[in-house]
Amino acid sequence: MIEINIHEAKTHLSKHLNRLKPGERIILCKRHVPVAEIRLLEPKQEKKRVIGLAKGQFTVPPSFFEPLPTEVLEGFYSVE
């Protein structure tokens, strides 16, 4: 456990976080009275994404590839 005052935390927080090990915590104090704690979070386990998971569930209609109507295009380029 690391106890530091708020001023020390503002000045050297990166240094203290680099020293922090799993299970340890930093206790933030205001005039030597504990007010908060900082601890490491568990690393997020990312799941691999499967390619083609929704294959065959939908189709892109041919109209998707047609040009947008003029009034819609004008909305993108008009200057007010």
PDB file of N, CA and C in Angstrom:
ATOM      1  N   MET A   1       0.849  -1.169   0.000  1.00  0.00           N
ATOM      2  CA  MET A   1       0.000   0.000   0.000  1.00  0.00           C
ATOM      3  C   MET A   1       0.896   1.232   0.000  1.00  0.00           C
ATOM      4  N   ILE A   2       0.541   2.184  -0.857  1.00  0.00           N
ATOM      5  CA  ILE A   2       1.293   3.433  -0.963  1.00  0.00           C
ATOM      6  C   ILE A   2       0.367   4.555  -0.502  1.00  0.00           C
ATOM      7  N   GLU A   3       0.783   5.322   0.478  1.00  0.00           N
ATOM      8  CA  GLU A   3       0.002   6.473   0.932  1.00  0.00           C
ATOM      9  C   GLU A   3       0.684   7.745   0.456  1.00  0.00           C
ATOM     10  N   ILE A   4      -0.079   8.567  -0.265  1.00  0.00           N
ATOM     11  CA  ILE A   4       0.477   9.843  -0.730  1.00  0.00           C
ATOM     12  C   ILE A   4      -0.566  10.938  -0.568  1.00  0.00           C
ATOM     13  N   ASN A   5      -0.072  12.140  -0.364  1.00  0.00           N
ATOM     14  CA  ASN A   5      -0.968  13.291  -0.296  1.00  0.00           C
ATOM     15  C   ASN A   5      -1.354  13.715  -1.709  1.00  0.00           C
ATOM     16  N   ILE A   6      -2.432  14.449  -1.824  1.00  0.00           N
ATOM     17  CA  ILE A   6      -2.970  14.844  -3.126  1.00  0.00           C
ATOM     18  C   ILE A   6      -1.948  15.633  -3.932  1.00  0.00           C
ATOM     19  N   HIS A   7      -1.219  16.527  -3.295  1.00  0.00           N
ATOM     20  CA  HIS A   7      -0.204  17.310  -4.020  1.00  0.00           C
ATOM     21  C   HIS A   7       0.841  16.380  -4.637  1.00  0.00           C
ATOM     22  N   GLU A   8       1.295  15.397  -3.876  1.00  0.00           N
ATOM     23  CA  GLU A   8       2.273  14.428  -4.387  1.00  0.00           C
ATOM     24  C   GLU A   8       1.680  13.644  -5.553  1.00  0.00           C
ATOM     25  N   ALA A   9       0.406  13.284  -5.450  1.00  0.00           N
ATOM     26  CA  ALA A   9      -0.254  12.532  -6.524  1.00  0.00           C
ATOM     27  C   ALA A   9      -0.334  13.367  -7.789  1.00  0.00           C
ATOM     28  N   LYS A  10      -0.673  14.632  -7.654  1.00  0.00           N
ATOM     29  CA  LYS A  10      -0.762  15.499  -8.837  1.00  0.00           C
ATOM     30  C   LYS A  10       0.599  15.660  -9.489  1.00  0.00           C
ATOM     31  N   THR A  11       1.628  15.654  -8.697  1.00  0.00           N
ATOM     32  CA  THR A  11       2.974  15.882  -9.220  1.00  0.00           C
ATOM     33  C   THR A  11       3.599  14.618  -9.805  1.00  0.00           C
ATOM     34  N   HIS A  12       3.389  13.470  -9.157  1.00  0.00           N
ATOM     35  CA  HIS A  12       4.111  12.251  -9.533  1.00  0.00           C
ATOM     36  C   HIS A  12       3.193  11.045  -9.726  1.00  0.00           C
ATOM     37  N   LEU A  13       1.968  11.235 -10.176  1.00  0.00           N
ATOM     38  CA  LEU A  13       1.030  10.122 -10.302  1.00  0.00           C
ATOM     39  C   LEU A  13       1.543   9.043 -11.246  1.00  0.00           C
ATOM     40  N   SER A  14       2.097   9.422 -12.374  1.00  0.00           N
ATOM     41  CA  SER A  14       2.599   8.431 -13.338  1.00  0.00           C
ATOM     42  C   SER A  14       3.661   7.535 -12.701  1.00  0.00           C
ATOM     43  N   LYS A  15       4.556   8.124 -11.957  1.00  0.00           N
ATOM     44  CA  LYS A  15       5.619   7.359 -11.300  1.00  0.00           C
ATOM     45  C   LYS A  15       5.019   6.348 -10.324  1.00  0.00           C
ATOM     46  N   HIS A  16       4.051   6.777  -9.534  1.00  0.00           N
ATOM     47  CA  HIS A  16       3.432   5.876  -8.560  1.00  0.00           C
ATOM     48  C   HIS A  16       2.627   4.777  -9.244  1.00  0.00           C
ATOM     49  N   LEU A  17       1.922   5.096 -10.330  1.00  0.00           N
ATOM     50  CA  LEU A  17       1.163   4.075 -11.049  1.00  0.00           C
ATOM     51  C   LEU A  17       2.079   3.024 -11.647  1.00  0.00           C
ATOM     52  N   ASN A  18       3.247   3.430 -12.134  1.00  0.00           N
ATOM     53  CA  ASN A  18       4.204   2.470 -12.705  1.00  0.00           C
ATOM     54  C   ASN A  18       4.740   1.515 -11.642  1.00  0.00           C
ATOM     55  N   ARG A  19       4.825   1.962 -10.387  1.00  0.00           N
ATOM     56  CA  ARG A  19       5.324   1.124  -9.299  1.00  0.00           C
ATOM     57  C   ARG A  19       4.249   0.192  -8.744  1.00  0.00           C
ATOM     58  N   LEU A  20       2.990   0.473  -9.042  1.00  0.00           N
ATOM     59  CA  LEU A  20       1.870  -0.272  -8.482  1.00  0.00           C
ATOM     60  C   LEU A  20       1.824  -1.688  -9.045  1.00  0.00           C
ATOM     61  N   LYS A  21       1.685  -2.668  -8.157  1.00  0.00           N
ATOM     62  CA  LYS A  21       1.605  -4.073  -8.568  1.00  0.00           C
ATOM     63  C   LYS A  21       0.173  -4.565  -8.360  1.00  0.00           C
ATOM     64  N   PRO A  22      -0.226  -5.633  -9.071  1.00  0.00           N
ATOM     65  CA  PRO A  22      -1.582  -6.169  -8.870  1.00  0.00           C
ATOM     66  C   PRO A  22      -1.834  -6.480  -7.398  1.00  0.00           C
ATOM     67  N   GLY A  23      -2.987  -6.066  -6.906  1.00  0.00           N
ATOM     68  CA  GLY A  23      -3.345  -6.278  -5.505  1.00  0.00           C
ATOM     69  C   GLY A  23      -2.956  -5.124  -4.597  1.00  0.00           C
ATOM     70  N   GLU A  24      -2.021  -4.287  -5.035  1.00  0.00           N
ATOM     71  CA  GLU A  24      -1.635  -3.125  -4.242  1.00  0.00           C
ATOM     72  C   GLU A  24      -2.585  -1.971  -4.535  1.00  0.00           C
ATOM     73  N   ARG A  25      -2.555  -0.978  -3.695  1.00  0.00           N
ATOM     74  CA  ARG A  25      -3.381   0.198  -3.922  1.00  0.00           C
ATOM     75  C   ARG A  25      -2.657   1.443  -3.438  1.00  0.00           C
ATOM     76  N   ILE A  26      -3.048   2.562  -4.016  1.00  0.00           N
ATOM     77  CA  ILE A  26      -2.531   3.860  -3.607  1.00  0.00           C
ATOM     78  C   ILE A  26      -3.641   4.525  -2.804  1.00  0.00           C
ATOM     79  N   ILE A  27      -3.324   4.954  -1.601  1.00  0.00           N
ATOM     80  CA  ILE A  27      -4.278   5.666  -0.770  1.00  0.00           C
ATOM     81  C   ILE A  27      -3.976   7.157  -0.904  1.00  0.00           C
ATOM     82  N   LEU A  28      -4.964   7.920  -1.397  1.00  0.00           N
ATOM     83  CA  LEU A  28      -4.817   9.368  -1.506  1.00  0.00           C
ATOM     84  C   LEU A  28      -5.266  10.009  -0.208  1.00  0.00           C
ATOM     85  N   CYS A  29      -4.439  10.901   0.300  1.00  0.00           N
ATOM     86  CA  CYS A  29      -4.742  11.559   1.574  1.00  0.00           C
ATOM     87  C   CYS A  29      -4.841  13.068   1.386  1.00  0.00           C
ATOM     88  N   LYS A  30      -5.698  13.659   2.183  1.00  0.00           N
ATOM     89  CA  LYS A  30      -5.806  15.116   2.235  1.00  0.00           C
ATOM     90  C   LYS A  30      -5.408  15.498   3.651  1.00  0.00           C
ATOM     91  N   ARG A  31      -4.246  16.147   3.758  1.00  0.00           N
ATOM     92  CA  ARG A  31      -3.663  16.483   5.057  1.00  0.00           C
ATOM     93  C   ARG A  31      -3.521  15.239   5.928  1.00  0.00           C
ATOM     94  N   HIS A  32      -3.006  14.193   5.320  1.00  0.00           N
ATOM     95  CA  HIS A  32      -2.703  12.917   5.972  1.00  0.00           C
ATOM     96  C   HIS A  32      -3.940  12.157   6.434  1.00  0.00           C
ATOM     97  N   VAL A  33      -5.109  12.506   5.911  1.00  0.00           N
ATOM     98  CA  VAL A  33      -6.343  11.779   6.201  1.00  0.00           C
ATOM     99  C   VAL A  33      -6.770  11.075   4.909  1.00  0.00           C
ATOM    100  N   PRO A  34      -6.885   9.741   4.908  1.00  0.00           N
ATOM    101  CA  PRO A  34      -7.267   9.009   3.692  1.00  0.00           C
ATOM    102  C   PRO A  34      -8.630   9.468   3.156  1.00  0.00           C
ATOM    103  N   VAL A  35      -8.688   9.729   1.839  1.00  0.00           N
ATOM    104  CA  VAL A  35      -9.942  10.164   1.218  1.00  0.00           C
ATOM    105  C   VAL A  35     -10.326   9.306   0.011  1.00  0.00           C
ATOM    106  N   ALA A  36      -9.373   8.597  -0.589  1.00  0.00           N
ATOM    107  CA  ALA A  36      -9.680   7.792  -1.779  1.00  0.00           C
ATOM    108  C   ALA A  36      -8.575   6.773  -1.984  1.00  0.00           C
ATOM    109  N   GLU A  37      -8.875   5.785  -2.842  1.00  0.00           N
ATOM    110  CA  GLU A  37      -7.851   4.813  -3.177  1.00  0.00           C
ATOM    111  C   GLU A  37      -7.837   4.568  -4.681  1.00  0.00           C
ATOM    112  N   ILE A  38      -6.671   4.200  -5.178  1.00  0.00           N
ATOM    113  CA  ILE A  38      -6.476   3.875  -6.586  1.00  0.00           C
ATOM    114  C   ILE A  38      -5.925   2.461  -6.626  1.00  0.00           C
ATOM    115  N   ARG A  39      -6.483   1.634  -7.508  1.00  0.00           N
ATOM    116  CA  ARG A  39      -5.989   0.273  -7.665  1.00  0.00           C
ATOM    117  C   ARG A  39      -5.963  -0.073  -9.144  1.00  0.00           C
ATOM    118  N   LEU A  40      -5.171  -1.078  -9.503  1.00  0.00           N
ATOM    119  CA  LEU A  40      -5.109  -1.529 -10.892  1.00  0.00           C
ATOM    120  C   LEU A  40      -6.387  -2.266 -11.246  1.00  0.00           C
ATOM    121  N   LEU A  41      -6.822  -2.124 -12.470  1.00  0.00           N
ATOM    122  CA  LEU A  41      -7.979  -2.858 -12.972  1.00  0.00           C
ATOM    123  C   LEU A  41      -7.514  -4.144 -13.623  1.00  0.00           C
ATOM    124  N   GLU A  42      -8.387  -5.139 -13.621  1.00  0.00           N
ATOM    125  CA  GLU A  42      -8.094  -6.385 -14.318  1.00  0.00           C
ATOM    126  C   GLU A  42      -7.987  -6.091 -15.813  1.00  0.00           C
ATOM    127  N   PRO A  43      -7.025  -6.686 -16.509  1.00  0.00           N
ATOM    128  CA  PRO A  43      -6.946  -6.456 -17.956  1.00  0.00           C
ATOM    129  C   PRO A  43      -8.196  -6.995 -18.638  1.00  0.00           C
ATOM    130  N   LYS A  44      -8.703  -6.253 -19.599  1.00  0.00           N
ATOM    131  CA  LYS A  44      -9.908  -6.644 -20.319  1.00  0.00           C
ATOM    132  C   LYS A  44      -9.573  -7.787 -21.267  1.00  0.00           C
ATOM    133  N   GLN A  45     -10.341  -8.843 -21.177  1.00  0.00           N
ATOM    134  CA  GLN A  45     -10.149  -9.985 -22.065  1.00  0.00           C
ATOM    135  C   GLN A  45     -10.936  -9.746 -23.344  1.00  0.00           C
ATOM    136  N   GLU A  46     -10.245  -9.527 -24.435  1.00  0.00           N
ATOM    137  CA  GLU A  46     -10.916  -9.271 -25.703  1.00  0.00           C
ATOM    138  C   GLU A  46     -11.241 -10.591 -26.389  1.00  0.00           C
ATOM    139  N   LYS A  47     -12.483 -10.696 -26.844  1.00  0.00           N
ATOM    140  CA  LYS A  47     -12.901 -11.884 -27.577  1.00  0.00           C
ATOM    141  C   LYS A  47     -12.568 -11.694 -29.047  1.00  0.00           C
ATOM    142  N   LYS A  48     -12.121 -12.768 -29.673  1.00  0.00           N
ATOM    143  CA  LYS A  48     -11.848 -12.689 -31.104  1.00  0.00           C
ATOM    144  C   LYS A  48     -13.169 -12.631 -31.848  1.00  0.00           C
ATOM    145  N   ARG A  49     -13.219 -11.766 -32.847  1.00  0.00           N
ATOM    146  CA  ARG A  49     -14.414 -11.638 -33.663  1.00  0.00           C
ATOM    147  C   ARG A  49     -14.364 -12.657 -34.796  1.00  0.00           C
ATOM    148  N   VAL A  50     -15.466 -13.335 -34.980  1.00  0.00           N
ATOM    149  CA  VAL A  50     -15.556 -14.345 -36.031  1.00  0.00           C
ATOM    150  C   VAL A  50     -16.027 -13.674 -37.312  1.00  0.00           C
ATOM    151  N   ILE A  51     -15.298 -13.867 -38.395  1.00  0.00           N
ATOM    152  CA  ILE A  51     -15.652 -13.279 -39.678  1.00  0.00           C
ATOM    153  C   ILE A  51     -16.776 -14.092 -40.306  1.00  0.00           C
ATOM    154  N   GLY A  52     -17.766 -13.386 -40.832  1.00  0.00           N
ATOM    155  CA  GLY A  52     -18.864 -14.054 -41.523  1.00  0.00           C
ATOM    156  C   GLY A  52     -19.937 -14.596 -40.608  1.00  0.00           C
ATOM    157  N   LEU A  53     -20.012 -14.100 -39.394  1.00  0.00           N
ATOM    158  CA  LEU A  53     -20.970 -14.599 -38.418  1.00  0.00           C
ATOM    159  C   LEU A  53     -22.417 -14.406 -38.870  1.00  0.00           C
ATOM    160  N   ALA A  54     -22.711 -13.318 -39.606  1.00  0.00           N
ATOM    161  CA  ALA A  54     -24.083 -13.034 -40.048  1.00  0.00           C
ATOM    162  C   ALA A  54     -24.296 -13.393 -41.519  1.00  0.00           C
ATOM    163  N   LYS A  55     -23.422 -14.203 -42.069  1.00  0.00           N
ATOM    164  CA  LYS A  55     -23.517 -14.558 -43.486  1.00  0.00           C
ATOM    165  C   LYS A  55     -24.885 -15.179 -43.791  1.00  0.00           C
ATOM    166  N   GLY A  56     -25.537 -14.646 -44.834  1.00  0.00           N
ATOM    167  CA  GLY A  56     -26.825 -15.159 -45.264  1.00  0.00           C
ATOM    168  C   GLY A  56     -28.016 -14.605 -44.504  1.00  0.00           C
ATOM    169  N   GLN A  57     -27.789 -13.778 -43.483  1.00  0.00           N
ATOM    170  CA  GLN A  57     -28.891 -13.231 -42.698  1.00  0.00           C
ATOM    171  C   GLN A  57     -29.478 -11.967 -43.314  1.00  0.00           C
ATOM    172  N   PHE A  58     -28.756 -11.306 -44.192  1.00  0.00           N
ATOM    173  CA  PHE A  58     -29.277 -10.121 -44.871  1.00  0.00           C
ATOM    174  C   PHE A  58     -28.580  -9.980 -46.213  1.00  0.00           C
ATOM    175  N   THR A  59     -29.200  -9.202 -47.091  1.00  0.00           N
ATOM    176  CA  THR A  59     -28.601  -8.924 -48.391  1.00  0.00           C
ATOM    177  C   THR A  59     -28.652  -7.424 -48.633  1.00  0.00           C
ATOM    178  N   VAL A  60     -27.696  -6.933 -49.358  1.00  0.00           N
ATOM    179  CA  VAL A  60     -27.647  -5.515 -49.711  1.00  0.00           C
ATOM    180  C   VAL A  60     -28.449  -5.341 -51.001  1.00  0.00           C
ATOM    181  N   PRO A  61     -29.505  -4.513 -50.961  1.00  0.00           N
ATOM    182  CA  PRO A  61     -30.319  -4.342 -52.166  1.00  0.00           C
ATOM    183  C   PRO A  61     -29.552  -3.554 -53.235  1.00  0.00           C
ATOM    184  N   PRO A  62     -29.853  -3.764 -54.507  1.00  0.00           N
ATOM    185  CA  PRO A  62     -29.179  -3.033 -55.585  1.00  0.00           C
ATOM    186  C   PRO A  62     -29.347  -1.521 -55.462  1.00  0.00           C
ATOM    187  N   SER A  63     -30.464  -1.062 -54.867  1.00  0.00           N
ATOM    188  CA  SER A  63     -30.691   0.382 -54.726  1.00  0.00           C
ATOM    189  C   SER A  63     -29.643   1.043 -53.824  1.00  0.00           C
ATOM    190  N   PHE A  64     -28.968   0.265 -53.001  1.00  0.00           N
ATOM    191  CA  PHE A  64     -27.927   0.801 -52.136  1.00  0.00           C
ATOM    192  C   PHE A  64     -26.803   1.443 -52.947  1.00  0.00           C
ATOM    193  N   PHE A  65     -26.536   0.912 -54.120  1.00  0.00           N
ATOM    194  CA  PHE A  65     -25.430   1.380 -54.943  1.00  0.00           C
ATOM    195  C   PHE A  65     -25.832   2.498 -55.905  1.00  0.00           C
ATOM    196  N   GLU A  66     -27.106   2.879 -55.929  1.00  0.00           N
ATOM    197  CA  GLU A  66     -27.564   3.957 -56.799  1.00  0.00           C
ATOM    198  C   GLU A  66     -27.188   5.304 -56.183  1.00  0.00           C
ATOM    199  N   PRO A  67     -26.990   6.332 -57.023  1.00  0.00           N
ATOM    200  CA  PRO A  67     -26.650   7.658 -56.496  1.00  0.00           C
ATOM    201  C   PRO A  67     -27.769   8.190 -55.602  1.00  0.00           C
ATOM    202  N   LEU A  68     -27.377   9.011 -54.643  1.00  0.00           N
ATOM    203  CA  LEU A  68     -28.363   9.635 -53.757  1.00  0.00           C
ATOM    204  C   LEU A  68     -29.169  10.677 -54.527  1.00  0.00           C
ATOM    205  N   PRO A  69     -30.402  10.944 -54.084  1.00  0.00           N
ATOM    206  CA  PRO A  69     -31.201  11.989 -54.726  1.00  0.00           C
ATOM    207  C   PRO A  69     -30.518  13.353 -54.597  1.00  0.00           C
ATOM    208  N   THR A  70     -30.790  14.226 -55.574  1.00  0.00           N
ATOM    209  CA  THR A  70     -30.164  15.547 -55.621  1.00  0.00           C
ATOM    210  C   THR A  70     -30.398  16.335 -54.339  1.00  0.00           C
ATOM    211  N   GLU A  71     -31.634  16.305 -53.792  1.00  0.00           N
ATOM    212  CA  GLU A  71     -31.921  17.087 -52.583  1.00  0.00           C
ATOM    213  C   GLU A  71     -31.113  16.599 -51.380  1.00  0.00           C
ATOM    214  N   VAL A  72     -30.789  15.332 -51.333  1.00  0.00           N
ATOM    215  CA  VAL A  72     -29.958  14.820 -50.242  1.00  0.00           C
ATOM    216  C   VAL A  72     -28.519  15.264 -50.432  1.00  0.00           C
ATOM    217  N   LEU A  73     -28.014  15.169 -51.668  1.00  0.00           N
ATOM    218  CA  LEU A  73     -26.640  15.617 -51.943  1.00  0.00           C
ATOM    219  C   LEU A  73     -26.472  17.084 -51.670  1.00  0.00           C
ATOM    220  N   GLU A  74     -27.464  17.891 -51.988  1.00  0.00           N
ATOM    221  CA  GLU A  74     -27.383  19.348 -51.750  1.00  0.00           C
ATOM    222  C   GLU A  74     -27.248  19.629 -50.242  1.00  0.00           C
ATOM    223  N   GLY A  75     -27.851  18.807 -49.429  1.00  0.00           N
ATOM    224  CA  GLY A  75     -27.735  18.977 -47.980  1.00  0.00           C
ATOM    225  C   GLY A  75     -26.312  18.834 -47.469  1.00  0.00           C
ATOM    226  N   PHE A  76     -25.507  18.045 -48.151  1.00  0.00           N
ATOM    227  CA  PHE A  76     -24.117  17.870 -47.754  1.00  0.00           C
ATOM    228  C   PHE A  76     -23.233  19.053 -48.180  1.00  0.00           C
ATOM    229  N   TYR A  77     -23.598  19.693 -49.286  1.00  0.00           N
ATOM    230  CA  TYR A  77     -22.710  20.710 -49.861  1.00  0.00           C
ATOM    231  C   TYR A  77     -23.226  22.130 -49.748  1.00  0.00           C
ATOM    232  N   SER A  78     -24.431  22.337 -49.256  1.00  0.00           N
ATOM    233  CA  SER A  78     -24.965  23.708 -49.194  1.00  0.00           C
ATOM    234  C   SER A  78     -24.253  24.495 -48.111  1.00  0.00           C
ATOM    235  N   VAL A  79     -24.062  25.783 -48.380  1.00  0.00           N
ATOM    236  CA  VAL A  79     -23.425  26.681 -47.435  1.00  0.00           C
ATOM    237  C   VAL A  79     -24.463  27.710 -47.013  1.00  0.00           C
ATOM    238  N   GLU A  80     -24.660  27.817 -45.721  1.00  0.00           N
ATOM    239  CA  GLU A  80     -25.642  28.783 -45.224  1.00  0.00           C
ATOM    240  C   GLU A  80     -24.964  29.936 -44.534  1.00  0.00           C
TER     241      GLU A  80
END
